Amino acid sequence: MDEIVKIVMEKTGLGEEQAAKAVEAVLEYVKDQVSEPFDSMIDSFMKGESSLGDIGGLAGGLGSLGGLFGKK
């Protein structure tokens, strides 16, 4: 998650604390929109415990998340 926080900091100019809060808010929103297996997979991925390749189904499932952000 640290890497994503750094990216948010660079792209927005936010400080570390604010960027971390923004990332957490987005993650909470995404996890609220997906079923339990994906919720756990997202947590593992964000903790660095797995990669998208390791959790296979998540990579395919992420494509459907585009609808959450206005893409179809």
PDB file of N, CA and C in Angstrom:
ATOM      1  N   MET A   1       0.811  -1.182   0.000  1.00  0.00           N
ATOM      2  CA  MET A   1       0.000   0.000   0.000  1.00  0.00           C
ATOM      3  C   MET A   1       0.864   1.259   0.000  1.00  0.00           C
ATOM      4  N   ASP A   2       2.048   1.150   0.556  1.00  0.00           N
ATOM      5  CA  ASP A   2       2.943   2.306   0.596  1.00  0.00           C
ATOM      6  C   ASP A   2       3.226   2.846  -0.800  1.00  0.00           C
ATOM      7  N   GLU A   3       3.361   1.947  -1.756  1.00  0.00           N
ATOM      8  CA  GLU A   3       3.647   2.377  -3.130  1.00  0.00           C
ATOM      9  C   GLU A   3       2.484   3.191  -3.693  1.00  0.00           C
ATOM     10  N   ILE A   4       1.261   2.756  -3.416  1.00  0.00           N
ATOM     11  CA  ILE A   4       0.093   3.475  -3.909  1.00  0.00           C
ATOM     12  C   ILE A   4      -0.005   4.836  -3.219  1.00  0.00           C
ATOM     13  N   VAL A   5       0.276   4.882  -1.932  1.00  0.00           N
ATOM     14  CA  VAL A   5       0.257   6.156  -1.204  1.00  0.00           C
ATOM     15  C   VAL A   5       1.268   7.116  -1.826  1.00  0.00           C
ATOM     16  N   LYS A   6       2.452   6.618  -2.162  1.00  0.00           N
ATOM     17  CA  LYS A   6       3.474   7.477  -2.790  1.00  0.00           C
ATOM     18  C   LYS A   6       2.999   8.017  -4.130  1.00  0.00           C
ATOM     19  N   ILE A   7       2.334   7.159  -4.903  1.00  0.00           N
ATOM     20  CA  ILE A   7       1.822   7.590  -6.208  1.00  0.00           C
ATOM     21  C   ILE A   7       0.772   8.681  -6.024  1.00  0.00           C
ATOM     22  N   VAL A   8      -0.133   8.495  -5.064  1.00  0.00           N
ATOM     23  CA  VAL A   8      -1.163   9.501  -4.800  1.00  0.00           C
ATOM     24  C   VAL A   8      -0.507  10.810  -4.367  1.00  0.00           C
ATOM     25  N   MET A   9       0.521  10.716  -3.525  1.00  0.00           N
ATOM     26  CA  MET A   9       1.231  11.921  -3.082  1.00  0.00           C
ATOM     27  C   MET A   9       1.835  12.656  -4.274  1.00  0.00           C
ATOM     28  N   GLU A  10       2.493  11.927  -5.163  1.00  0.00           N
ATOM     29  CA  GLU A  10       3.143  12.543  -6.321  1.00  0.00           C
ATOM     30  C   GLU A  10       2.140  13.184  -7.268  1.00  0.00           C
ATOM     31  N   LYS A  11       1.019  12.504  -7.494  1.00  0.00           N
ATOM     32  CA  LYS A  11       0.068  12.986  -8.489  1.00  0.00           C
ATOM     33  C   LYS A  11      -0.856  14.082  -7.964  1.00  0.00           C
ATOM     34  N   THR A  12      -1.016  14.145  -6.639  1.00  0.00           N
ATOM     35  CA  THR A  12      -1.969  15.110  -6.096  1.00  0.00           C
ATOM     36  C   THR A  12      -1.327  16.225  -5.283  1.00  0.00           C
ATOM     37  N   GLY A  13      -0.103  16.003  -4.829  1.00  0.00           N
ATOM     38  CA  GLY A  13       0.531  16.986  -3.963  1.00  0.00           C
ATOM     39  C   GLY A  13       0.085  16.877  -2.512  1.00  0.00           C
ATOM     40  N   LEU A  14      -0.697  15.857  -2.192  1.00  0.00           N
ATOM     41  CA  LEU A  14      -1.133  15.645  -0.814  1.00  0.00           C
ATOM     42  C   LEU A  14       0.038  15.186   0.044  1.00  0.00           C
ATOM     43  N   GLY A  15      -0.046  15.451   1.336  1.00  0.00           N
ATOM     44  CA  GLY A  15       0.931  14.929   2.266  1.00  0.00           C
ATOM     45  C   GLY A  15       0.689  13.438   2.488  1.00  0.00           C
ATOM     46  N   GLU A  16       1.636  12.794   3.145  1.00  0.00           N
ATOM     47  CA  GLU A  16       1.542  11.345   3.329  1.00  0.00           C
ATOM     48  C   GLU A  16       0.278  10.930   4.087  1.00  0.00           C
ATOM     49  N   GLU A  17      -0.040  11.631   5.144  1.00  0.00           N
ATOM     50  CA  GLU A  17      -1.215  11.258   5.948  1.00  0.00           C
ATOM     51  C   GLU A  17      -2.508  11.391   5.141  1.00  0.00           C
ATOM     52  N   GLN A  18      -2.641  12.491   4.395  1.00  0.00           N
ATOM     53  CA  GLN A  18      -3.838  12.697   3.601  1.00  0.00           C
ATOM     54  C   GLN A  18      -3.923  11.684   2.453  1.00  0.00           C
ATOM     55  N   ALA A  19      -2.797  11.385   1.826  1.00  0.00           N
ATOM     56  CA  ALA A  19      -2.780  10.406   0.737  1.00  0.00           C
ATOM     57  C   ALA A  19      -3.161   9.025   1.259  1.00  0.00           C
ATOM     58  N   ALA A  20      -2.653   8.659   2.424  1.00  0.00           N
ATOM     59  CA  ALA A  20      -2.987   7.359   3.015  1.00  0.00           C
ATOM     60  C   ALA A  20      -4.479   7.280   3.318  1.00  0.00           C
ATOM     61  N   LYS A  21      -5.057   8.368   3.820  1.00  0.00           N
ATOM     62  CA  LYS A  21      -6.492   8.394   4.099  1.00  0.00           C
ATOM     63  C   LYS A  21      -7.293   8.263   2.805  1.00  0.00           C
ATOM     64  N   ALA A  22      -6.826   8.913   1.744  1.00  0.00           N
ATOM     65  CA  ALA A  22      -7.516   8.828   0.454  1.00  0.00           C
ATOM     66  C   ALA A  22      -7.488   7.404  -0.080  1.00  0.00           C
ATOM     67  N   VAL A  23      -6.329   6.759  -0.006  1.00  0.00           N
ATOM     68  CA  VAL A  23      -6.203   5.372  -0.472  1.00  0.00           C
ATOM     69  C   VAL A  23      -7.117   4.469   0.344  1.00  0.00           C
ATOM     70  N   GLU A  24      -7.129   4.630   1.650  1.00  0.00           N
ATOM     71  CA  GLU A  24      -7.994   3.831   2.522  1.00  0.00           C
ATOM     72  C   GLU A  24      -9.462   4.023   2.155  1.00  0.00           C
ATOM     73  N   ALA A  25      -9.859   5.267   1.899  1.00  0.00           N
ATOM     74  CA  ALA A  25     -11.254   5.544   1.545  1.00  0.00           C
ATOM     75  C   ALA A  25     -11.643   4.837   0.253  1.00  0.00           C
ATOM     76  N   VAL A  26     -10.772   4.887  -0.736  1.00  0.00           N
ATOM     77  CA  VAL A  26     -11.055   4.222  -2.013  1.00  0.00           C
ATOM     78  C   VAL A  26     -11.113   2.713  -1.817  1.00  0.00           C
ATOM     79  N   LEU A  27     -10.179   2.156  -1.062  1.00  0.00           N
ATOM     80  CA  LEU A  27     -10.188   0.712  -0.810  1.00  0.00           C
ATOM     81  C   LEU A  27     -11.456   0.273  -0.088  1.00  0.00           C
ATOM     82  N   GLU A  28     -11.877   1.032   0.904  1.00  0.00           N
ATOM     83  CA  GLU A  28     -13.117   0.702   1.618  1.00  0.00           C
ATOM     84  C   GLU A  28     -14.299   0.702   0.662  1.00  0.00           C
ATOM     85  N   TYR A  29     -14.348   1.697  -0.206  1.00  0.00           N
ATOM     86  CA  TYR A  29     -15.442   1.777  -1.176  1.00  0.00           C
ATOM     87  C   TYR A  29     -15.429   0.569  -2.109  1.00  0.00           C
ATOM     88  N   VAL A  30     -14.272   0.249  -2.646  1.00  0.00           N
ATOM     89  CA  VAL A  30     -14.171  -0.877  -3.581  1.00  0.00           C
ATOM     90  C   VAL A  30     -14.552  -2.175  -2.876  1.00  0.00           C
ATOM     91  N   LYS A  31     -14.030  -2.385  -1.672  1.00  0.00           N
ATOM     92  CA  LYS A  31     -14.330  -3.617  -0.950  1.00  0.00           C
ATOM     93  C   LYS A  31     -15.812  -3.719  -0.601  1.00  0.00           C
ATOM     94  N   ASP A  32     -16.479  -2.608  -0.381  1.00  0.00           N
ATOM     95  CA  ASP A  32     -17.924  -2.623  -0.124  1.00  0.00           C
ATOM     96  C   ASP A  32     -18.714  -3.025  -1.364  1.00  0.00           C
ATOM     97  N   GLN A  33     -18.120  -2.858  -2.538  1.00  0.00           N
ATOM     98  CA  GLN A  33     -18.815  -3.131  -3.791  1.00  0.00           C
ATOM     99  C   GLN A  33     -18.610  -4.552  -4.314  1.00  0.00           C
ATOM    100  N   VAL A  34     -17.669  -5.291  -3.743  1.00  0.00           N
ATOM    101  CA  VAL A  34     -17.371  -6.640  -4.238  1.00  0.00           C
ATOM    102  C   VAL A  34     -17.773  -7.677  -3.203  1.00  0.00           C
ATOM    103  N   SER A  35     -17.885  -8.924  -3.646  1.00  0.00           N
ATOM    104  CA  SER A  35     -18.250 -10.006  -2.736  1.00  0.00           C
ATOM    105  C   SER A  35     -17.074 -10.374  -1.837  1.00  0.00           C
ATOM    106  N   GLU A  36     -17.357 -11.113  -0.783  1.00  0.00           N
ATOM    107  CA  GLU A  36     -16.372 -11.454   0.243  1.00  0.00           C
ATOM    108  C   GLU A  36     -15.067 -12.032  -0.300  1.00  0.00           C
ATOM    109  N   PRO A  37     -15.078 -12.991  -1.203  1.00  0.00           N
ATOM    110  CA  PRO A  37     -13.769 -13.519  -1.656  1.00  0.00           C
ATOM    111  C   PRO A  37     -12.863 -12.437  -2.231  1.00  0.00           C
ATOM    112  N   PHE A  38     -13.440 -11.508  -2.983  1.00  0.00           N
ATOM    113  CA  PHE A  38     -12.629 -10.441  -3.562  1.00  0.00           C
ATOM    114  C   PHE A  38     -12.146  -9.475  -2.490  1.00  0.00           C
ATOM    115  N   ASP A  39     -12.983  -9.235  -1.494  1.00  0.00           N
ATOM    116  CA  ASP A  39     -12.627  -8.365  -0.375  1.00  0.00           C
ATOM    117  C   ASP A  39     -11.344  -8.876   0.285  1.00  0.00           C
ATOM    118  N   SER A  40     -11.305 -10.164   0.593  1.00  0.00           N
ATOM    119  CA  SER A  40     -10.125 -10.766   1.224  1.00  0.00           C
ATOM    120  C   SER A  40      -8.910 -10.736   0.304  1.00  0.00           C
ATOM    121  N   MET A  41      -9.146 -10.960  -0.976  1.00  0.00           N
ATOM    122  CA  MET A  41      -8.042 -10.948  -1.938  1.00  0.00           C
ATOM    123  C   MET A  41      -7.443  -9.554  -2.058  1.00  0.00           C
ATOM    124  N   ILE A  42      -8.296  -8.545  -2.034  1.00  0.00           N
ATOM    125  CA  ILE A  42      -7.808  -7.165  -2.108  1.00  0.00           C
ATOM    126  C   ILE A  42      -6.952  -6.859  -0.883  1.00  0.00           C
ATOM    127  N   ASP A  43      -7.424  -7.278   0.302  1.00  0.00           N
ATOM    128  CA  ASP A  43      -6.644  -7.073   1.520  1.00  0.00           C
ATOM    129  C   ASP A  43      -5.271  -7.729   1.412  1.00  0.00           C
ATOM    130  N   SER A  44      -5.232  -8.978   0.951  1.00  0.00           N
ATOM    131  CA  SER A  44      -3.955  -9.691   0.812  1.00  0.00           C
ATOM    132  C   SER A  44      -3.033  -8.991  -0.177  1.00  0.00           C
ATOM    133  N   PHE A  45      -3.604  -8.560  -1.291  1.00  0.00           N
ATOM    134  CA  PHE A  45      -2.811  -7.876  -2.306  1.00  0.00           C
ATOM    135  C   PHE A  45      -2.229  -6.580  -1.753  1.00  0.00           C
ATOM    136  N   MET A  46      -3.038  -5.807  -1.032  1.00  0.00           N
ATOM    137  CA  MET A  46      -2.582  -4.528  -0.503  1.00  0.00           C
ATOM    138  C   MET A  46      -1.533  -4.690   0.587  1.00  0.00           C
ATOM    139  N   LYS A  47      -1.555  -5.821   1.283  1.00  0.00           N
ATOM    140  CA  LYS A  47      -0.557  -6.091   2.315  1.00  0.00           C
ATOM    141  C   LYS A  47       0.726  -6.656   1.717  1.00  0.00           C
ATOM    142  N   GLY A  48       0.730  -6.893   0.397  1.00  0.00           N
ATOM    143  CA  GLY A  48       1.909  -7.442  -0.257  1.00  0.00           C
ATOM    144  C   GLY A  48       2.043  -8.939  -0.080  1.00  0.00           C
ATOM    145  N   GLU A  49       0.966  -9.593   0.350  1.00  0.00           N
ATOM    146  CA  GLU A  49       1.000 -11.033   0.590  1.00  0.00           C
ATOM    147  C   GLU A  49       0.777 -11.841  -0.672  1.00  0.00           C
ATOM    148  N   SER A  50       0.312 -11.206  -1.731  1.00  0.00           N
ATOM    149  CA  SER A  50       0.093 -11.903  -2.989  1.00  0.00           C
ATOM    150  C   SER A  50       0.164 -10.897  -4.124  1.00  0.00           C
ATOM    151  N   SER A  51       0.326 -11.435  -5.327  1.00  0.00           N
ATOM    152  CA  SER A  51       0.323 -10.572  -6.508  1.00  0.00           C
ATOM    153  C   SER A  51      -0.932 -10.881  -7.301  1.00  0.00           C
ATOM    154  N   LEU A  52      -1.217 -10.091  -8.297  1.00  0.00           N
ATOM    155  CA  LEU A  52      -2.385 -10.370  -9.126  1.00  0.00           C
ATOM    156  C   LEU A  52      -2.273 -11.733  -9.788  1.00  0.00           C
ATOM    157  N   GLY A  53      -1.071 -12.133 -10.138  1.00  0.00           N
ATOM    158  CA  GLY A  53      -0.878 -13.455 -10.727  1.00  0.00           C
ATOM    159  C   GLY A  53      -1.176 -14.568  -9.738  1.00  0.00           C
ATOM    160  N   ASP A  54      -0.864 -14.354  -8.467  1.00  0.00           N
ATOM    161  CA  ASP A  54      -1.094 -15.361  -7.438  1.00  0.00           C
ATOM    162  C   ASP A  54      -2.569 -15.553  -7.129  1.00  0.00           C
ATOM    163  N   ILE A  55      -3.348 -14.522  -7.300  1.00  0.00           N
ATOM    164  CA  ILE A  55      -4.748 -14.609  -6.923  1.00  0.00           C
ATOM    165  C   ILE A  55      -5.649 -14.630  -8.149  1.00  0.00           C
ATOM    166  N   GLY A  56      -5.155 -15.164  -9.216  1.00  0.00           N
ATOM    167  CA  GLY A  56      -5.821 -15.337 -10.494  1.00  0.00           C
ATOM    168  C   GLY A  56      -7.187 -14.730 -10.690  1.00  0.00           C
ATOM    169  N   GLY A  57      -8.186 -15.194  -9.966  1.00  0.00           N
ATOM    170  CA  GLY A  57      -9.547 -14.741 -10.157  1.00  0.00           C
ATOM    171  C   GLY A  57      -9.705 -13.254  -9.961  1.00  0.00           C
ATOM    172  N   LEU A  58      -8.895 -12.667  -9.125  1.00  0.00           N
ATOM    173  CA  LEU A  58      -9.014 -11.230  -8.881  1.00  0.00           C
ATOM    174  C   LEU A  58      -8.681 -10.435 -10.126  1.00  0.00           C
ATOM    175  N   ALA A  59      -7.677 -10.869 -10.867  1.00  0.00           N
ATOM    176  CA  ALA A  59      -7.280 -10.129 -12.066  1.00  0.00           C
ATOM    177  C   ALA A  59      -8.440 -10.037 -13.045  1.00  0.00           C
ATOM    178  N   GLY A  60      -9.147 -11.139 -13.244  1.00  0.00           N
ATOM    179  CA  GLY A  60     -10.303 -11.126 -14.130  1.00  0.00           C
ATOM    180  C   GLY A  60     -11.439 -10.315 -13.542  1.00  0.00           C
ATOM    181  N   GLY A  61     -11.624 -10.428 -12.245  1.00  0.00           N
ATOM    182  CA  GLY A  61     -12.697  -9.720 -11.573  1.00  0.00           C
ATOM    183  C   GLY A  61     -12.500  -8.221 -11.550  1.00  0.00           C
ATOM    184  N   LEU A  62     -11.274  -7.769 -11.575  1.00  0.00           N
ATOM    185  CA  LEU A  62     -11.014  -6.331 -11.542  1.00  0.00           C
ATOM    186  C   LEU A  62     -11.551  -5.636 -12.785  1.00  0.00           C
ATOM    187  N   GLY A  63     -11.609  -6.356 -13.885  1.00  0.00           N
ATOM    188  CA  GLY A  63     -12.139  -5.764 -15.102  1.00  0.00           C
ATOM    189  C   GLY A  63     -13.574  -5.291 -14.900  1.00  0.00           C
ATOM    190  N   SER A  64     -14.339  -6.055 -14.128  1.00  0.00           N
ATOM    191  CA  SER A  64     -15.732  -5.683 -13.896  1.00  0.00           C
ATOM    192  C   SER A  64     -15.855  -4.503 -12.957  1.00  0.00           C
ATOM    193  N   LEU A  65     -14.798  -4.164 -12.237  1.00  0.00           N
ATOM    194  CA  LEU A  65     -14.839  -3.019 -11.329  1.00  0.00           C
ATOM    195  C   LEU A  65     -14.886  -1.694 -12.083  1.00  0.00           C
ATOM    196  N   GLY A  66     -14.577  -1.728 -13.366  1.00  0.00           N
ATOM    197  CA  GLY A  66     -14.616  -0.503 -14.145  1.00  0.00           C
ATOM    198  C   GLY A  66     -15.970   0.178 -14.067  1.00  0.00           C
ATOM    199  N   GLY A  67     -17.032  -0.619 -13.953  1.00  0.00           N
ATOM    200  CA  GLY A  67     -18.374  -0.065 -13.838  1.00  0.00           C
ATOM    201  C   GLY A  67     -18.558   0.776 -12.591  1.00  0.00           C
ATOM    202  N   LEU A  68     -17.791   0.482 -11.553  1.00  0.00           N
ATOM    203  CA  LEU A  68     -17.884   1.261 -10.321  1.00  0.00           C
ATOM    204  C   LEU A  68     -17.419   2.694 -10.522  1.00  0.00           C
ATOM    205  N   PHE A  69     -16.570   2.890 -11.518  1.00  0.00           N
ATOM    206  CA  PHE A  69     -15.976   4.202 -11.757  1.00  0.00           C
ATOM    207  C   PHE A  69     -16.445   4.807 -13.062  1.00  0.00           C
ATOM    208  N   GLY A  70     -17.591   4.337 -13.549  1.00  0.00           N
ATOM    209  CA  GLY A  70     -18.205   4.927 -14.729  1.00  0.00           C
ATOM    210  C   GLY A  70     -17.791   4.327 -16.051  1.00  0.00           C
ATOM    211  N   LYS A  71     -16.944   3.294 -16.036  1.00  0.00           N
ATOM    212  CA  LYS A  71     -16.549   2.642 -17.285  1.00  0.00           C
ATOM    213  C   LYS A  71     -17.401   1.401 -17.461  1.00  0.00           C
ATOM    214  N   LYS A  72     -17.676   1.053 -18.699  1.00  0.00           N
ATOM    215  CA  LYS A  72     -18.479  -0.155 -18.980  1.00  0.00           C
ATOM    216  C   LYS A  72     -17.792  -1.026 -19.986  1.00  0.00           C
TER     217      LYS A  72
END
